[in-house]
Amino acid sequence: MELTYKKSFIKELKRMPASIQKQAGDVFKKLVIAKNLENSGVDFTKMHGQNANYFRIRIVSYRIGCEYVEPNIVIITIMSRGDIYKHFPPK
């Protein structure tokens, strides 16, 4: 799969603890190798809302918000578990 990162995501990731940054890097490596999200081996869940292409990926108590249009993934945001559901997916 091909990954694309939003500029805001890069800024948010730099503010995360080093352990979360490392785990996010591991998730991204798995996604690049995988042929699709279902076979990637990451903990993902489809988000409820108007657009069916939004997913979240779990990393401990943080969530990565992404848009998946096969075979591409746009990484949009990373937030704590409590905040991601208030701000993602975009309305």
Protein backbone atom coordinates (compact mmCIF):
# COMPACT_ATOMS: atom_id res chain seq x y z
CA MET A 1 0.00 0.00 0.00
CA GLU A 2 1.03 3.59 -0.47
CA LEU A 3 0.97 5.91 2.56
CA THR A 4 0.47 9.67 2.43
CA TYR A 5 0.82 11.86 5.51
CA LYS A 6 -0.94 15.17 6.19
CA LYS A 7 1.37 17.96 7.40
CA SER A 8 -0.69 18.35 10.56
CA PHE A 9 -0.17 14.65 11.34
CA ILE A 10 3.62 15.06 11.16
CA LYS A 11 3.45 17.96 13.63
CA GLU A 12 1.20 15.97 15.99
CA LEU A 13 3.45 12.91 15.82
CA LYS A 14 6.53 14.97 16.75
CA ARG A 15 4.75 16.01 19.97
CA MET A 16 4.04 12.40 20.97
CA PRO A 17 6.27 10.44 23.38
CA ALA A 18 9.19 8.60 21.77
CA SER A 19 7.64 5.20 22.50
CA ILE A 20 4.46 6.14 20.60
CA GLN A 21 6.53 7.49 17.69
CA LYS A 22 8.39 4.17 17.48
CA GLN A 23 5.18 2.13 17.61
CA ALA A 24 3.63 4.35 14.92
CA GLY A 25 6.69 3.71 12.75
CA ASP A 26 6.24 -0.03 13.22
CA VAL A 27 2.57 0.25 12.19
CA PHE A 28 3.52 2.21 9.06
CA LYS A 29 6.07 -0.45 8.08
CA LYS A 30 3.37 -3.12 8.36
CA LEU A 31 0.97 -1.05 6.26
CA VAL A 32 3.51 -0.48 3.47
CA ILE A 33 4.26 -4.20 3.24
CA ALA A 34 0.60 -5.29 3.33
CA LYS A 35 -1.55 -5.58 0.23
CA ASN A 36 -4.65 -4.24 2.02
CA LEU A 37 -5.71 -2.98 5.43
CA GLU A 38 -7.46 -6.22 6.37
CA ASN A 39 -4.25 -8.28 5.99
CA SER A 40 -1.89 -5.74 7.53
CA GLY A 41 -1.83 -7.15 11.06
CA VAL A 42 -2.67 -3.82 12.72
CA ASP A 43 -5.57 -3.17 15.11
CA PHE A 44 -7.97 -1.10 13.00
CA THR A 45 -11.67 -0.27 13.20
CA LYS A 46 -13.98 1.42 10.72
CA MET A 47 -15.26 4.76 12.00
CA HIS A 48 -18.98 5.48 12.07
CA GLY A 49 -20.14 8.49 10.12
CA GLN A 50 -21.01 9.80 6.72
CA ASN A 51 -17.95 8.53 4.85
CA ALA A 52 -17.22 4.81 4.94
CA ASN A 53 -13.53 5.27 4.12
CA TYR A 54 -12.39 6.49 7.57
CA PHE A 55 -10.62 4.14 9.97
CA ARG A 56 -8.74 4.37 13.22
CA ILE A 57 -5.64 2.38 14.11
CA ARG A 58 -4.96 1.64 17.78
CA ILE A 59 -1.57 2.22 19.40
CA VAL A 60 -1.81 1.67 23.17
CA SER A 61 -3.92 4.65 24.38
CA TYR A 62 -3.52 6.63 21.15
CA ARG A 63 -5.39 6.38 17.86
CA ILE A 64 -4.28 7.18 14.33
CA GLY A 65 -7.08 8.50 12.12
CA CYS A 66 -6.78 7.61 8.44
CA GLU A 67 -8.70 7.50 5.20
CA TYR A 68 -8.42 4.24 3.24
CA VAL A 69 -9.19 4.19 -0.46
CA GLU A 70 -7.73 0.93 -1.67
CA PRO A 71 -4.76 0.67 -2.18
CA ASN A 72 -3.84 4.08 -0.67
CA ILE A 73 -3.99 5.32 2.91
CA VAL A 74 -3.96 8.98 3.91
CA ILE A 75 -2.75 9.35 7.51
CA ILE A 76 -4.70 12.31 8.88
CA THR A 77 -4.22 12.60 12.65
CA ILE A 78 -2.99 11.01 15.86
CA MET A 79 -4.69 11.76 19.17
CA SER A 80 -5.32 10.24 22.56
CA ARG A 81 -8.18 7.79 22.80
CA GLY A 82 -10.49 10.32 24.44
CA ASP A 83 -9.95 13.05 21.86
CA ILE A 84 -9.96 11.17 18.56
CA TYR A 85 -13.65 10.34 18.71
CA LYS A 86 -14.57 14.01 19.26
CA HIS A 87 -12.60 15.32 16.26
CA PHE A 88 -12.42 12.44 13.77
CA PRO A 89 -13.69 11.70 11.17
CA PRO A 90 -13.93 15.24 9.81
CA LYS A 91 -17.48 16.46 9.41
